[in-house]
Amino acid sequence: MSSSVRILDPRRLFGQEGEAAAEDFLIRKGYRIVARNLRSSLGELDLVAEDGPTLVFVEVKARRTEEFGGAAYAVHEQKQQKLIRLAAQFLARHHWSRRSCRFDVVLVQQRAGSGPPRIEHICDAFDVPGDDLRW
């Protein structure tokens, strides 16, 4: 009987730590986490949360450096379109066609040393054109 050793990819581990920090941050702000790391054939939703009556699809970006800019630059148009398709799939699966929704971006910036990460939260980070969230 052979045993295998599972080695985690350091980038994946860093991303998971960033998502956990973002989740804790949002909970402290009063959000209720509905789902995390939802995968489908279209891709992955990092976090789905409720901010009062609004369903929020949260994209988390973990960064080690500020080299690529802040959260405002973290989710380009192609990624936005993918997130919109994933959100529409999620809403259809739950029969929530009338649910008020928005997209937030949380950038988790690891600080040099062992201090807590800096977290930047953009609420309502981008607009959804037309009826893209309808099915």
C-alpha atoms as a PDB file:
ATOM      1  CA  MET A   1       0.000   0.000   0.000  1.00  0.00           C
ATOM      2  CA  SER A   2       1.591   3.244  -1.084  1.00  0.00           C
ATOM      3  CA  SER A   3       0.913   6.592   0.438  1.00  0.00           C
ATOM      4  CA  SER A   4       1.097   9.791  -1.495  1.00  0.00           C
ATOM      5  CA  VAL A   5       2.260  13.086  -0.146  1.00  0.00           C
ATOM      6  CA  ARG A   6       0.160  16.021  -1.208  1.00  0.00           C
ATOM      7  CA  ILE A   7       2.135  19.189  -1.694  1.00  0.00           C
ATOM      8  CA  LEU A   8       0.114  22.354  -1.904  1.00  0.00           C
ATOM      9  CA  ASP A   9       0.998  24.843  -4.577  1.00  0.00           C
ATOM     10  CA  PRO A  10       2.321  27.934  -2.720  1.00  0.00           C
ATOM     11  CA  ARG A  11       0.331  30.247  -5.020  1.00  0.00           C
ATOM     12  CA  ARG A  12      -2.880  28.349  -4.313  1.00  0.00           C
ATOM     13  CA  LEU A  13      -2.194  28.398  -0.584  1.00  0.00           C
ATOM     14  CA  PHE A  14      -1.515  32.160  -0.741  1.00  0.00           C
ATOM     15  CA  GLY A  15      -4.797  32.646  -2.628  1.00  0.00           C
ATOM     16  CA  GLN A  16      -6.707  30.611  -0.042  1.00  0.00           C
ATOM     17  CA  GLU A  17      -5.202  32.684   2.767  1.00  0.00           C
ATOM     18  CA  GLY A  18      -6.235  35.848   0.905  1.00  0.00           C
ATOM     19  CA  GLU A  19      -9.795  34.574   0.500  1.00  0.00           C
ATOM     20  CA  ALA A  20      -9.972  33.722   4.216  1.00  0.00           C
ATOM     21  CA  ALA A  21      -8.752  37.241   5.111  1.00  0.00           C
ATOM     22  CA  ALA A  22     -11.321  38.779   2.727  1.00  0.00           C
ATOM     23  CA  GLU A  23     -14.092  36.636   4.184  1.00  0.00           C
ATOM     24  CA  ASP A  24     -13.195  37.647   7.765  1.00  0.00           C
ATOM     25  CA  PHE A  25     -13.089  41.298   6.671  1.00  0.00           C
ATOM     26  CA  LEU A  26     -16.551  41.100   5.072  1.00  0.00           C
ATOM     27  CA  ILE A  27     -18.051  39.306   8.066  1.00  0.00           C
ATOM     28  CA  ARG A  28     -16.731  42.062  10.339  1.00  0.00           C
ATOM     29  CA  LYS A  29     -18.498  44.557   8.027  1.00  0.00           C
ATOM     30  CA  GLY A  30     -21.782  42.696   8.563  1.00  0.00           C
ATOM     31  CA  TYR A  31     -21.918  40.578   5.401  1.00  0.00           C
ATOM     32  CA  ARG A  32     -23.309  37.051   5.642  1.00  0.00           C
ATOM     33  CA  ILE A  33     -21.352  34.505   3.593  1.00  0.00           C
ATOM     34  CA  VAL A  34     -23.678  32.341   1.489  1.00  0.00           C
ATOM     35  CA  ALA A  35     -21.081  30.316  -0.442  1.00  0.00           C
ATOM     36  CA  ARG A  36     -17.366  30.124  -1.114  1.00  0.00           C
ATOM     37  CA  ASN A  37     -15.227  28.727  -3.921  1.00  0.00           C
ATOM     38  CA  LEU A  38     -18.127  27.706  -6.149  1.00  0.00           C
ATOM     39  CA  ARG A  39     -16.736  25.927  -9.201  1.00  0.00           C
ATOM     40  CA  SER A  40     -18.525  25.157 -12.434  1.00  0.00           C
ATOM     41  CA  SER A  41     -17.561  24.523 -16.025  1.00  0.00           C
ATOM     42  CA  LEU A  42     -17.529  28.319 -16.484  1.00  0.00           C
ATOM     43  CA  GLY A  43     -15.033  29.013 -13.701  1.00  0.00           C
ATOM     44  CA  GLU A  44     -15.138  29.901 -10.018  1.00  0.00           C
ATOM     45  CA  LEU A  45     -16.916  32.389  -7.777  1.00  0.00           C
ATOM     46  CA  ASP A  46     -14.678  33.215  -4.812  1.00  0.00           C
ATOM     47  CA  LEU A  47     -17.376  34.362  -2.391  1.00  0.00           C
ATOM     48  CA  VAL A  48     -21.113  34.923  -2.501  1.00  0.00           C
ATOM     49  CA  ALA A  49     -22.448  37.002   0.371  1.00  0.00           C
ATOM     50  CA  GLU A  50     -25.462  38.966   1.494  1.00  0.00           C
ATOM     51  CA  ASP A  51     -25.149  42.628   2.405  1.00  0.00           C
ATOM     52  CA  GLY A  52     -28.598  43.244   3.805  1.00  0.00           C
ATOM     53  CA  PRO A  53     -31.070  42.327   1.044  1.00  0.00           C
ATOM     54  CA  THR A  54     -28.400  42.479  -1.688  1.00  0.00           C
ATOM     55  CA  LEU A  55     -26.648  39.388  -2.989  1.00  0.00           C
ATOM     56  CA  VAL A  56     -22.975  40.180  -3.529  1.00  0.00           C
ATOM     57  CA  PHE A  57     -20.595  38.281  -5.795  1.00  0.00           C
ATOM     58  CA  VAL A  58     -17.093  38.918  -4.450  1.00  0.00           C
ATOM     59  CA  GLU A  59     -13.909  38.519  -6.464  1.00  0.00           C
ATOM     60  CA  VAL A  60     -10.864  38.238  -4.211  1.00  0.00           C
ATOM     61  CA  LYS A  61      -7.400  39.116  -5.451  1.00  0.00           C
ATOM     62  CA  ALA A  62      -4.414  38.361  -3.238  1.00  0.00           C
ATOM     63  CA  ARG A  63      -1.225  40.248  -4.056  1.00  0.00           C
ATOM     64  CA  ARG A  64       2.275  40.011  -2.656  1.00  0.00           C
ATOM     65  CA  THR A  65       3.346  43.332  -4.176  1.00  0.00           C
ATOM     66  CA  GLU A  66       1.697  46.489  -5.464  1.00  0.00           C
ATOM     67  CA  GLU A  67       3.331  45.938  -8.851  1.00  0.00           C
ATOM     68  CA  PHE A  68       0.026  45.357 -10.679  1.00  0.00           C
ATOM     69  CA  GLY A  69      -1.956  48.198  -9.137  1.00  0.00           C
ATOM     70  CA  GLY A  70      -4.805  48.055  -6.682  1.00  0.00           C
ATOM     71  CA  ALA A  71      -8.183  46.380  -6.717  1.00  0.00           C
ATOM     72  CA  ALA A  72      -9.420  48.803  -9.367  1.00  0.00           C
ATOM     73  CA  TYR A  73      -7.029  47.138 -11.836  1.00  0.00           C
ATOM     74  CA  ALA A  74      -7.487  43.579 -10.605  1.00  0.00           C
ATOM     75  CA  VAL A  75     -10.625  42.692 -12.559  1.00  0.00           C
ATOM     76  CA  HIS A  76     -10.394  43.498 -16.256  1.00  0.00           C
ATOM     77  CA  GLU A  77     -13.332  43.482 -18.676  1.00  0.00           C
ATOM     78  CA  GLN A  78     -12.881  39.837 -19.728  1.00  0.00           C
ATOM     79  CA  LYS A  79     -12.879  38.740 -16.068  1.00  0.00           C
ATOM     80  CA  GLN A  80     -15.974  40.880 -15.426  1.00  0.00           C
ATOM     81  CA  GLN A  81     -17.830  39.104 -18.253  1.00  0.00           C
ATOM     82  CA  LYS A  82     -16.847  35.732 -16.799  1.00  0.00           C
ATOM     83  CA  LEU A  83     -18.065  36.761 -13.337  1.00  0.00           C
ATOM     84  CA  ILE A  84     -21.360  37.975 -14.809  1.00  0.00           C
ATOM     85  CA  ARG A  85     -21.893  34.588 -16.512  1.00  0.00           C
ATOM     86  CA  LEU A  86     -21.027  32.744 -13.283  1.00  0.00           C
ATOM     87  CA  ALA A  87     -23.417  34.949 -11.293  1.00  0.00           C
ATOM     88  CA  ALA A  88     -26.233  34.373 -13.809  1.00  0.00           C
ATOM     89  CA  GLN A  89     -25.619  30.625 -13.540  1.00  0.00           C
ATOM     90  CA  PHE A  90     -25.735  30.848  -9.720  1.00  0.00           C
ATOM     91  CA  LEU A  91     -28.969  32.890  -9.771  1.00  0.00           C
ATOM     92  CA  ALA A  92     -30.612  30.474 -12.216  1.00  0.00           C
ATOM     93  CA  ARG A  93     -29.586  27.484 -10.118  1.00  0.00           C
ATOM     94  CA  HIS A  94     -31.220  29.051  -7.051  1.00  0.00           C
ATOM     95  CA  HIS A  95     -34.247  30.482  -8.917  1.00  0.00           C
ATOM     96  CA  TRP A  96     -33.384  34.017  -7.733  1.00  0.00           C
ATOM     97  CA  SER A  97     -34.286  35.977 -10.861  1.00  0.00           C
ATOM     98  CA  ARG A  98     -35.560  38.985  -8.913  1.00  0.00           C
ATOM     99  CA  ARG A  99     -32.717  39.217  -6.420  1.00  0.00           C
ATOM    100  CA  SER A 100     -30.870  42.534  -6.145  1.00  0.00           C
ATOM    101  CA  CYS A 101     -27.188  41.853  -6.916  1.00  0.00           C
ATOM    102  CA  ARG A 102     -23.835  43.572  -7.209  1.00  0.00           C
ATOM    103  CA  PHE A 103     -20.171  42.740  -7.709  1.00  0.00           C
ATOM    104  CA  ASP A 104     -17.500  43.664  -5.171  1.00  0.00           C
ATOM    105  CA  VAL A 105     -13.740  43.261  -5.440  1.00  0.00           C
ATOM    106  CA  VAL A 106     -11.525  42.701  -2.423  1.00  0.00           C
ATOM    107  CA  LEU A 107      -7.776  43.087  -2.819  1.00  0.00           C
ATOM    108  CA  VAL A 108      -5.686  41.502  -0.089  1.00  0.00           C
ATOM    109  CA  GLN A 109      -2.179  43.008  -0.113  1.00  0.00           C
ATOM    110  CA  GLN A 110       0.362  40.999   1.876  1.00  0.00           C
ATOM    111  CA  ARG A 111       2.667  43.277   3.817  1.00  0.00           C
ATOM    112  CA  ALA A 112       6.386  42.730   4.154  1.00  0.00           C
ATOM    113  CA  GLY A 113       7.099  40.815   7.322  1.00  0.00           C
ATOM    114  CA  SER A 114       4.390  39.137   9.328  1.00  0.00           C
ATOM    115  CA  GLY A 115       1.921  41.982   9.842  1.00  0.00           C
ATOM    116  CA  PRO A 116      -1.732  41.686   8.902  1.00  0.00           C
ATOM    117  CA  PRO A 117      -2.533  42.177   5.229  1.00  0.00           C
ATOM    118  CA  ARG A 118      -3.868  45.467   3.904  1.00  0.00           C
ATOM    119  CA  ILE A 119      -7.379  44.997   2.549  1.00  0.00           C
ATOM    120  CA  GLU A 120      -8.946  47.213  -0.104  1.00  0.00           C
ATOM    121  CA  HIS A 121     -12.680  46.737  -0.744  1.00  0.00           C
ATOM    122  CA  ILE A 122     -14.459  48.168  -3.759  1.00  0.00           C
ATOM    123  CA  CYS A 123     -18.195  47.920  -3.271  1.00  0.00           C
ATOM    124  CA  ASP A 124     -20.174  47.769  -6.539  1.00  0.00           C
ATOM    125  CA  ALA A 125     -16.921  47.459  -8.485  1.00  0.00           C
ATOM    126  CA  PHE A 126     -18.447  47.312 -11.961  1.00  0.00           C
ATOM    127  CA  ASP A 127     -21.764  47.681 -13.739  1.00  0.00           C
ATOM    128  CA  VAL A 128     -23.687  44.872 -15.382  1.00  0.00           C
ATOM    129  CA  PRO A 129     -24.984  45.914 -18.800  1.00  0.00           C
ATOM    130  CA  GLY A 130     -28.629  45.341 -19.727  1.00  0.00           C
ATOM    131  CA  ASP A 131     -30.140  42.034 -18.746  1.00  0.00           C
ATOM    132  CA  ASP A 132     -26.904  40.057 -18.431  1.00  0.00           C
ATOM    133  CA  LEU A 133     -28.046  38.614 -15.100  1.00  0.00           C
ATOM    134  CA  ARG A 134     -31.317  37.332 -16.514  1.00  0.00           C
ATOM    135  CA  TRP A 135     -31.774  33.821 -17.861  1.00  0.00           C
END
